[in-house]
Every structure is written in structure tokens, then in C-alpha cells.
């Protein structure tokens, strides 16, 4: 049976689960650099990435998982010239073996965000 994952430590949106779990797999919704109270964080790509990763950490933690359980990550950015800043912060949250990852450059993201990240994890 599918289980919804919820936490007040990450932003919520209507009609979207922060994450769902089924069969020991957790699928997070894409997280942008919103603060838990719903404000879009500004600043450098490093600061925005830290907010995104902290949102994902809160969600993964609420599911009873950790980043060591993350198998797959999907990243959307609006400017590939900021990718190295993103990657520097992102890499600080993981240890080898690193999850599989794809990065896609898109024209725009919800609410004018610069970066969005989603994850799949399994214990």
C-alpha cells in the first residue's frame, strides 16, 4: 500500500505529496529552493542548492531514510553556467557510492526557481 510522506520541515503544495513510499522505495516530489514557510529563497546557486538539499533531507528523514539510501537523482537547472556551484554543494551531501544522476537544463521552473531536484531511495 502506498504511503504519503509529510513533514513541516520542507515546503508543501496543494495536491502534491512531498514523497510517497511503496515497496520500500521512496519517491520525492521535485524540490525547488522554497523555504518550509513557502518563500522562494534567493541568493547564489550554492545557497539555493543548500535550501533544496535541506528540503530533500527533511523529506527523506521523515520517511525513515537517509541520503545513503538514495539511488537516483534528477536535477533541473535553468542555467548550466551555474552547474559547478550546484555540484559543489550537492556533492557535500553524499558519500561514495554516489547515486545515479541526470542533469537537465530547462527554460524555466515553477515560481521562477533556478534549480529543482527529485530523488528515489530504497533501504
C-alpha atoms as a PDB file:
ATOM      1  CA  UNK A   1       0.000   0.000   0.000  1.00  0.00           C
ATOM      2  CA  UNK A   2       1.280   3.452  -0.931  1.00  0.00           C
ATOM      3  CA  UNK A   3       2.202   5.715   1.999  1.00  0.00           C
ATOM      4  CA  UNK A   4       2.372   9.508   1.858  1.00  0.00           C
ATOM      5  CA  UNK A   5       5.419  11.133   3.473  1.00  0.00           C
ATOM      6  CA  UNK A   6       4.846  14.535   5.133  1.00  0.00           C
ATOM      7  CA  UNK A   7       6.995  16.928   7.141  1.00  0.00           C
ATOM      8  CA  UNK A   8       6.682  20.542   8.264  1.00  0.00           C
ATOM      9  CA  UNK A   9      10.454  20.869   7.750  1.00  0.00           C
ATOM     10  CA  UNK A  10      10.004  21.179   3.963  1.00  0.00           C
ATOM     11  CA  UNK A  11       7.551  23.159   1.842  1.00  0.00           C
ATOM     12  CA  UNK A  12       4.215  21.616   0.960  1.00  0.00           C
ATOM     13  CA  UNK A  13       1.991  22.242  -2.050  1.00  0.00           C
ATOM     14  CA  UNK A  14      -1.679  21.522  -2.644  1.00  0.00           C
ATOM     15  CA  UNK A  15      -2.472  18.251  -4.412  1.00  0.00           C
ATOM     16  CA  UNK A  16       1.174  17.090  -4.287  1.00  0.00           C
ATOM     17  CA  UNK A  17       2.762  14.681  -1.824  1.00  0.00           C
ATOM     18  CA  UNK A  18       6.230  15.656  -0.631  1.00  0.00           C
ATOM     19  CA  UNK A  19       7.056  11.986  -1.169  1.00  0.00           C
ATOM     20  CA  UNK A  20       5.400   8.612  -1.436  1.00  0.00           C
ATOM     21  CA  UNK A  21       6.663   5.214  -0.392  1.00  0.00           C
ATOM     22  CA  UNK A  22       5.724   1.872  -1.902  1.00  0.00           C
ATOM     23  CA  UNK A  23       7.512  -1.441  -1.592  1.00  0.00           C
ATOM     24  CA  UNK A  24      10.452   0.071   0.278  1.00  0.00           C
ATOM     25  CA  UNK A  25      11.019   2.737  -2.403  1.00  0.00           C
ATOM     26  CA  UNK A  26      10.625   6.439  -1.643  1.00  0.00           C
ATOM     27  CA  UNK A  27       9.936   8.876  -4.481  1.00  0.00           C
ATOM     28  CA  UNK A  28      10.255  12.564  -3.620  1.00  0.00           C
ATOM     29  CA  UNK A  29       8.465  15.340  -5.413  1.00  0.00           C
ATOM     30  CA  UNK A  30      10.754  17.811  -7.097  1.00  0.00           C
ATOM     31  CA  UNK A  31      12.029  20.350  -4.596  1.00  0.00           C
ATOM     32  CA  UNK A  32      12.904  23.914  -5.518  1.00  0.00           C
ATOM     33  CA  UNK A  33      14.550  26.448  -3.229  1.00  0.00           C
ATOM     34  CA  UNK A  34      11.410  27.199  -1.243  1.00  0.00           C
ATOM     35  CA  UNK A  35      11.757  27.605   2.487  1.00  0.00           C
ATOM     36  CA  UNK A  36       9.444  25.475   4.657  1.00  0.00           C
ATOM     37  CA  UNK A  37       7.155  28.515   5.074  1.00  0.00           C
ATOM     38  CA  UNK A  38       6.751  28.779   1.286  1.00  0.00           C
ATOM     39  CA  UNK A  39       9.074  31.668   0.396  1.00  0.00           C
ATOM     40  CA  UNK A  40      11.434  31.344  -2.554  1.00  0.00           C
ATOM     41  CA  UNK A  41      14.983  31.582  -1.191  1.00  0.00           C
ATOM     42  CA  UNK A  42      17.237  33.959  -3.089  1.00  0.00           C
ATOM     43  CA  UNK A  43      20.998  34.266  -3.219  1.00  0.00           C
ATOM     44  CA  UNK A  44      23.715  32.350  -5.010  1.00  0.00           C
ATOM     45  CA  UNK A  45      23.262  28.975  -6.659  1.00  0.00           C
ATOM     46  CA  UNK A  46      25.135  27.494  -3.690  1.00  0.00           C
ATOM     47  CA  UNK A  47      22.602  28.990  -1.255  1.00  0.00           C
ATOM     48  CA  UNK A  48      19.664  27.870  -3.382  1.00  0.00           C
ATOM     49  CA  UNK A  49      21.088  24.358  -3.704  1.00  0.00           C
ATOM     50  CA  UNK A  50      21.577  24.142   0.053  1.00  0.00           C
ATOM     51  CA  UNK A  51      17.892  25.004   0.560  1.00  0.00           C
ATOM     52  CA  UNK A  52      16.828  22.373  -1.987  1.00  0.00           C
ATOM     53  CA  UNK A  53      19.038  19.706  -0.400  1.00  0.00           C
ATOM     54  CA  UNK A  54      17.849  20.590   3.115  1.00  0.00           C
ATOM     55  CA  UNK A  55      14.235  20.248   1.934  1.00  0.00           C
ATOM     56  CA  UNK A  56      15.026  16.829   0.476  1.00  0.00           C
ATOM     57  CA  UNK A  57      16.894  15.768   3.613  1.00  0.00           C
ATOM     58  CA  UNK A  58      13.865  16.659   5.749  1.00  0.00           C
ATOM     59  CA  UNK A  59      11.584  14.624   3.487  1.00  0.00           C
ATOM     60  CA  UNK A  60      13.919  11.629   3.279  1.00  0.00           C
ATOM     61  CA  UNK A  61      14.386  11.752   7.071  1.00  0.00           C
ATOM     62  CA  UNK A  62      10.595  11.865   7.589  1.00  0.00           C
ATOM     63  CA  UNK A  63      10.364   8.646   5.571  1.00  0.00           C
ATOM     64  CA  UNK A  64      12.890   6.994   7.903  1.00  0.00           C
ATOM     65  CA  UNK A  65      15.597   7.005   5.226  1.00  0.00           C
ATOM     66  CA  UNK A  66      18.837   8.929   4.746  1.00  0.00           C
ATOM     67  CA  UNK A  67      20.861  10.128   1.779  1.00  0.00           C
ATOM     68  CA  UNK A  68      22.842   6.880   1.898  1.00  0.00           C
ATOM     69  CA  UNK A  69      19.651   5.189   0.641  1.00  0.00           C
ATOM     70  CA  UNK A  70      19.288   7.451  -2.417  1.00  0.00           C
ATOM     71  CA  UNK A  71      19.636   5.518  -5.672  1.00  0.00           C
ATOM     72  CA  UNK A  72      18.662   8.079  -8.325  1.00  0.00           C
ATOM     73  CA  UNK A  73      18.608  11.870  -8.515  1.00  0.00           C
ATOM     74  CA  UNK A  74      17.109  14.067 -11.210  1.00  0.00           C
ATOM     75  CA  UNK A  75      18.266  17.700 -11.398  1.00  0.00           C
ATOM     76  CA  UNK A  76      16.763  20.540 -13.419  1.00  0.00           C
ATOM     77  CA  UNK A  77      18.658  23.833 -13.745  1.00  0.00           C
ATOM     78  CA  UNK A  78      17.851  26.946 -15.738  1.00  0.00           C
ATOM     79  CA  UNK A  79      21.488  27.964 -16.321  1.00  0.00           C
ATOM     80  CA  UNK A  80      24.229  25.400 -16.951  1.00  0.00           C
ATOM     81  CA  UNK A  81      26.884  28.015 -16.196  1.00  0.00           C
ATOM     82  CA  UNK A  82      25.875  27.624 -12.518  1.00  0.00           C
ATOM     83  CA  UNK A  83      26.187  23.827 -12.587  1.00  0.00           C
ATOM     84  CA  UNK A  84      29.622  23.721 -10.925  1.00  0.00           C
ATOM     85  CA  UNK A  85      28.266  25.737  -7.965  1.00  0.00           C
ATOM     86  CA  UNK A  86      25.318  23.358  -7.735  1.00  0.00           C
ATOM     87  CA  UNK A  87      27.575  20.319  -7.922  1.00  0.00           C
ATOM     88  CA  UNK A  88      29.906  21.565  -5.187  1.00  0.00           C
ATOM     89  CA  UNK A  89      27.055  21.818  -2.665  1.00  0.00           C
ATOM     90  CA  UNK A  90      25.259  18.679  -3.908  1.00  0.00           C
ATOM     91  CA  UNK A  91      28.376  16.527  -3.554  1.00  0.00           C
ATOM     92  CA  UNK A  92      28.758  17.525   0.105  1.00  0.00           C
ATOM     93  CA  UNK A  93      25.553  15.634   0.963  1.00  0.00           C
ATOM     94  CA  UNK A  94      26.703  12.238  -0.367  1.00  0.00           C
ATOM     95  CA  UNK A  95      29.477   9.702   0.076  1.00  0.00           C
ATOM     96  CA  UNK A  96      30.546   7.001  -2.365  1.00  0.00           C
ATOM     97  CA  UNK A  97      28.931   5.082  -3.857  1.00  0.00           C
ATOM     98  CA  UNK A  98      27.087   8.102  -5.222  1.00  0.00           C
ATOM     99  CA  UNK A  99      23.552   7.847  -6.594  1.00  0.00           C
ATOM    100  CA  UNK A 100      22.961   7.785 -10.329  1.00  0.00           C
ATOM    101  CA  UNK A 101      22.100  11.265 -11.552  1.00  0.00           C
ATOM    102  CA  UNK A 102      20.907  13.173 -14.563  1.00  0.00           C
ATOM    103  CA  UNK A 103      21.010  16.935 -15.056  1.00  0.00           C
ATOM    104  CA  UNK A 104      18.678  18.663 -17.479  1.00  0.00           C
ATOM    105  CA  UNK A 105      18.818  22.335 -18.448  1.00  0.00           C
ATOM    106  CA  UNK A 106      15.318  23.788 -18.826  1.00  0.00           C
ATOM    107  CA  UNK A 107      13.940  27.134 -19.880  1.00  0.00           C
ATOM    108  CA  UNK A 108      12.113  27.772 -16.594  1.00  0.00           C
ATOM    109  CA  UNK A 109      10.957  26.178 -13.352  1.00  0.00           C
ATOM    110  CA  UNK A 110       7.938  26.769 -11.095  1.00  0.00           C
ATOM    111  CA  UNK A 111       7.813  30.113  -9.250  1.00  0.00           C
ATOM    112  CA  UNK A 112      10.919  31.342 -11.067  1.00  0.00           C
ATOM    113  CA  UNK A 113      13.218  28.850  -9.336  1.00  0.00           C
ATOM    114  CA  UNK A 114      16.731  28.199 -10.673  1.00  0.00           C
ATOM    115  CA  UNK A 115      17.098  24.557  -9.587  1.00  0.00           C
ATOM    116  CA  UNK A 116      14.809  21.607  -8.851  1.00  0.00           C
ATOM    117  CA  UNK A 117      15.844  18.179  -7.572  1.00  0.00           C
ATOM    118  CA  UNK A 118      13.951  14.919  -7.005  1.00  0.00           C
ATOM    119  CA  UNK A 119      15.162  11.607  -5.592  1.00  0.00           C
ATOM    120  CA  UNK A 120      14.380   7.918  -5.445  1.00  0.00           C
ATOM    121  CA  UNK A 121      15.580   5.999  -2.376  1.00  0.00           C
ATOM    122  CA  UNK A 122      15.397   2.411  -1.099  1.00  0.00           C
ATOM    123  CA  UNK A 123      16.510   0.811   2.145  1.00  0.00           C
END
